[in-house]
Amino acid sequence: MSSKKTEDPKKQTSNSSDELTTVVEELLNSLSSKFDGVSSEIFAKMDDMARRLDNLEASLQANEENGVNSSPRT
Protein backbone atom coordinates (compact mmCIF):
# COMPACT_ATOMS: atom_id res chain seq x y z
CA MET A 1 0.00 0.00 0.00
CA SER A 2 2.76 2.45 0.80
CA SER A 3 4.27 2.07 -2.68
CA LYS A 4 0.90 2.84 -4.20
CA LYS A 5 0.65 6.09 -2.23
CA THR A 6 4.11 7.06 -3.43
CA GLU A 7 3.07 6.68 -7.08
CA ASP A 8 -0.15 8.68 -6.75
CA PRO A 9 1.48 12.10 -6.20
CA LYS A 10 3.72 11.54 -9.23
CA LYS A 11 0.73 10.59 -11.38
CA GLN A 12 -1.22 13.55 -10.08
CA THR A 13 1.67 15.87 -10.83
CA SER A 14 1.99 14.39 -14.30
CA ASN A 15 -1.74 14.73 -14.94
CA SER A 16 -1.75 18.30 -13.63
CA SER A 17 1.22 19.09 -15.83
CA ASP A 18 -0.49 17.57 -18.86
CA GLU A 19 -3.69 19.49 -18.14
CA LEU A 20 -1.79 22.75 -17.75
CA THR A 21 0.07 22.12 -20.98
CA THR A 22 -3.21 21.46 -22.78
CA VAL A 23 -4.84 24.59 -21.38
CA VAL A 24 -1.84 26.75 -22.30
CA GLU A 25 -1.73 25.30 -25.84
CA GLU A 26 -5.44 25.99 -26.30
CA LEU A 27 -5.00 29.53 -25.02
CA LEU A 28 -2.08 30.15 -27.37
CA ASN A 29 -4.02 28.74 -30.32
CA SER A 30 -6.98 30.95 -29.46
CA LEU A 31 -4.79 34.04 -29.16
CA SER A 32 -3.05 33.20 -32.40
CA SER A 33 -6.33 32.89 -34.31
CA LYS A 34 -7.61 36.15 -32.80
CA PHE A 35 -4.37 37.89 -33.75
CA ASP A 36 -4.67 36.55 -37.30
CA GLY A 37 -8.22 37.88 -37.51
CA VAL A 38 -7.31 41.33 -36.22
CA SER A 39 -4.26 41.44 -38.46
CA SER A 40 -6.40 40.62 -41.51
CA GLU A 41 -8.90 43.34 -40.58
CA ILE A 42 -6.14 45.92 -40.19
CA PHE A 43 -4.61 45.04 -43.56
CA ALA A 44 -8.03 45.20 -45.22
CA LYS A 45 -8.67 48.65 -43.73
CA MET A 46 -5.23 49.84 -44.79
CA ASP A 47 -5.89 48.63 -48.35
CA ASP A 48 -9.24 50.43 -48.35
CA MET A 49 -7.61 53.64 -47.08
CA ALA A 50 -4.91 53.42 -49.77
CA ARG A 51 -7.56 52.95 -52.46
CA ARG A 52 -9.56 55.91 -51.16
CA LEU A 53 -6.45 58.11 -51.04
CA ASP A 54 -5.59 57.12 -54.61
CA ASN A 55 -9.11 58.09 -55.71
CA LEU A 56 -8.87 61.39 -53.84
CA GLU A 57 -5.50 62.17 -55.39
CA ALA A 58 -6.81 61.35 -58.88
CA SER A 59 -9.87 63.54 -58.27
CA LEU A 60 -7.71 66.46 -57.10
CA GLN A 61 -5.45 66.13 -60.13
CA ALA A 62 -8.47 66.02 -62.44
CA ASN A 63 -9.84 69.18 -60.82
CA GLU A 64 -6.49 70.96 -61.23
CA GLU A 65 -6.31 69.97 -64.90
CA ASN A 66 -9.84 71.26 -65.49
CA GLY A 67 -9.01 74.56 -63.78
CA VAL A 68 -11.48 74.07 -60.97
CA ASN A 69 -10.58 76.07 -57.87
CA SER A 70 -10.65 73.78 -54.86
CA SER A 71 -10.57 76.54 -52.23
CA PRO A 72 -13.80 76.97 -50.26
CA ARG A 73 -16.01 80.04 -50.82
CA THR A 74 -16.28 82.66 -48.12
C-alpha atoms as a PDB file:
ATOM      1  CA  MET A   1       0.000   0.000   0.000  1.00  0.00           C
ATOM      2  CA  SER A   2       2.760   2.454   0.799  1.00  0.00           C
ATOM      3  CA  SER A   3       4.270   2.071  -2.683  1.00  0.00           C
ATOM      4  CA  LYS A   4       0.898   2.842  -4.205  1.00  0.00           C
ATOM      5  CA  LYS A   5       0.655   6.093  -2.230  1.00  0.00           C
ATOM      6  CA  THR A   6       4.110   7.063  -3.430  1.00  0.00           C
ATOM      7  CA  GLU A   7       3.072   6.676  -7.080  1.00  0.00           C
ATOM      8  CA  ASP A   8      -0.152   8.684  -6.753  1.00  0.00           C
ATOM      9  CA  PRO A   9       1.484  12.104  -6.201  1.00  0.00           C
ATOM     10  CA  LYS A  10       3.716  11.540  -9.227  1.00  0.00           C
ATOM     11  CA  LYS A  11       0.731  10.587 -11.379  1.00  0.00           C
ATOM     12  CA  GLN A  12      -1.224  13.554 -10.077  1.00  0.00           C
ATOM     13  CA  THR A  13       1.668  15.874 -10.828  1.00  0.00           C
ATOM     14  CA  SER A  14       1.992  14.391 -14.300  1.00  0.00           C
ATOM     15  CA  ASN A  15      -1.738  14.735 -14.940  1.00  0.00           C
ATOM     16  CA  SER A  16      -1.749  18.301 -13.626  1.00  0.00           C
ATOM     17  CA  SER A  17       1.225  19.090 -15.833  1.00  0.00           C
ATOM     18  CA  ASP A  18      -0.487  17.575 -18.861  1.00  0.00           C
ATOM     19  CA  GLU A  19      -3.685  19.488 -18.139  1.00  0.00           C
ATOM     20  CA  LEU A  20      -1.792  22.748 -17.747  1.00  0.00           C
ATOM     21  CA  THR A  21       0.067  22.119 -20.982  1.00  0.00           C
ATOM     22  CA  THR A  22      -3.212  21.455 -22.775  1.00  0.00           C
ATOM     23  CA  VAL A  23      -4.841  24.587 -21.383  1.00  0.00           C
ATOM     24  CA  VAL A  24      -1.842  26.748 -22.298  1.00  0.00           C
ATOM     25  CA  GLU A  25      -1.730  25.304 -25.840  1.00  0.00           C
ATOM     26  CA  GLU A  26      -5.444  25.988 -26.299  1.00  0.00           C
ATOM     27  CA  LEU A  27      -4.998  29.534 -25.022  1.00  0.00           C
ATOM     28  CA  LEU A  28      -2.076  30.153 -27.374  1.00  0.00           C
ATOM     29  CA  ASN A  29      -4.020  28.739 -30.323  1.00  0.00           C
ATOM     30  CA  SER A  30      -6.977  30.953 -29.459  1.00  0.00           C
ATOM     31  CA  LEU A  31      -4.788  34.041 -29.158  1.00  0.00           C
ATOM     32  CA  SER A  32      -3.046  33.195 -32.402  1.00  0.00           C
ATOM     33  CA  SER A  33      -6.326  32.890 -34.314  1.00  0.00           C
ATOM     34  CA  LYS A  34      -7.614  36.150 -32.802  1.00  0.00           C
ATOM     35  CA  PHE A  35      -4.374  37.887 -33.748  1.00  0.00           C
ATOM     36  CA  ASP A  36      -4.675  36.552 -37.303  1.00  0.00           C
ATOM     37  CA  GLY A  37      -8.220  37.884 -37.514  1.00  0.00           C
ATOM     38  CA  VAL A  38      -7.313  41.331 -36.223  1.00  0.00           C
ATOM     39  CA  SER A  39      -4.260  41.444 -38.460  1.00  0.00           C
ATOM     40  CA  SER A  40      -6.395  40.622 -41.509  1.00  0.00           C
ATOM     41  CA  GLU A  41      -8.897  43.336 -40.576  1.00  0.00           C
ATOM     42  CA  ILE A  42      -6.136  45.918 -40.188  1.00  0.00           C
ATOM     43  CA  PHE A  43      -4.608  45.044 -43.560  1.00  0.00           C
ATOM     44  CA  ALA A  44      -8.032  45.199 -45.217  1.00  0.00           C
ATOM     45  CA  LYS A  45      -8.674  48.650 -43.729  1.00  0.00           C
ATOM     46  CA  MET A  46      -5.232  49.844 -44.792  1.00  0.00           C
ATOM     47  CA  ASP A  47      -5.887  48.631 -48.348  1.00  0.00           C
ATOM     48  CA  ASP A  48      -9.241  50.434 -48.345  1.00  0.00           C
ATOM     49  CA  MET A  49      -7.608  53.638 -47.081  1.00  0.00           C
ATOM     50  CA  ALA A  50      -4.912  53.421 -49.769  1.00  0.00           C
ATOM     51  CA  ARG A  51      -7.560  52.945 -52.465  1.00  0.00           C
ATOM     52  CA  ARG A  52      -9.563  55.913 -51.165  1.00  0.00           C
ATOM     53  CA  LEU A  53      -6.445  58.109 -51.038  1.00  0.00           C
ATOM     54  CA  ASP A  54      -5.590  57.121 -54.607  1.00  0.00           C
ATOM     55  CA  ASN A  55      -9.107  58.085 -55.706  1.00  0.00           C
ATOM     56  CA  LEU A  56      -8.872  61.389 -53.842  1.00  0.00           C
ATOM     57  CA  GLU A  57      -5.505  62.167 -55.393  1.00  0.00           C
ATOM     58  CA  ALA A  58      -6.814  61.354 -58.882  1.00  0.00           C
ATOM     59  CA  SER A  59      -9.865  63.535 -58.267  1.00  0.00           C
ATOM     60  CA  LEU A  60      -7.710  66.462 -57.104  1.00  0.00           C
ATOM     61  CA  GLN A  61      -5.445  66.128 -60.132  1.00  0.00           C
ATOM     62  CA  ALA A  62      -8.466  66.020 -62.444  1.00  0.00           C
ATOM     63  CA  ASN A  63      -9.839  69.179 -60.819  1.00  0.00           C
ATOM     64  CA  GLU A  64      -6.491  70.960 -61.233  1.00  0.00           C
ATOM     65  CA  GLU A  65      -6.308  69.968 -64.904  1.00  0.00           C
ATOM     66  CA  ASN A  66      -9.839  71.262 -65.492  1.00  0.00           C
ATOM     67  CA  GLY A  67      -9.006  74.556 -63.782  1.00  0.00           C
ATOM     68  CA  VAL A  68     -11.480  74.073 -60.969  1.00  0.00           C
ATOM     69  CA  ASN A  69     -10.584  76.072 -57.866  1.00  0.00           C
ATOM     70  CA  SER A  70     -10.651  73.781 -54.857  1.00  0.00           C
ATOM     71  CA  SER A  71     -10.567  76.536 -52.233  1.00  0.00           C
ATOM     72  CA  PRO A  72     -13.798  76.973 -50.257  1.00  0.00           C
ATOM     73  CA  ARG A  73     -16.011  80.037 -50.820  1.00  0.00           C
ATOM     74  CA  THR A  74     -16.282  82.663 -48.123  1.00  0.00           C
END
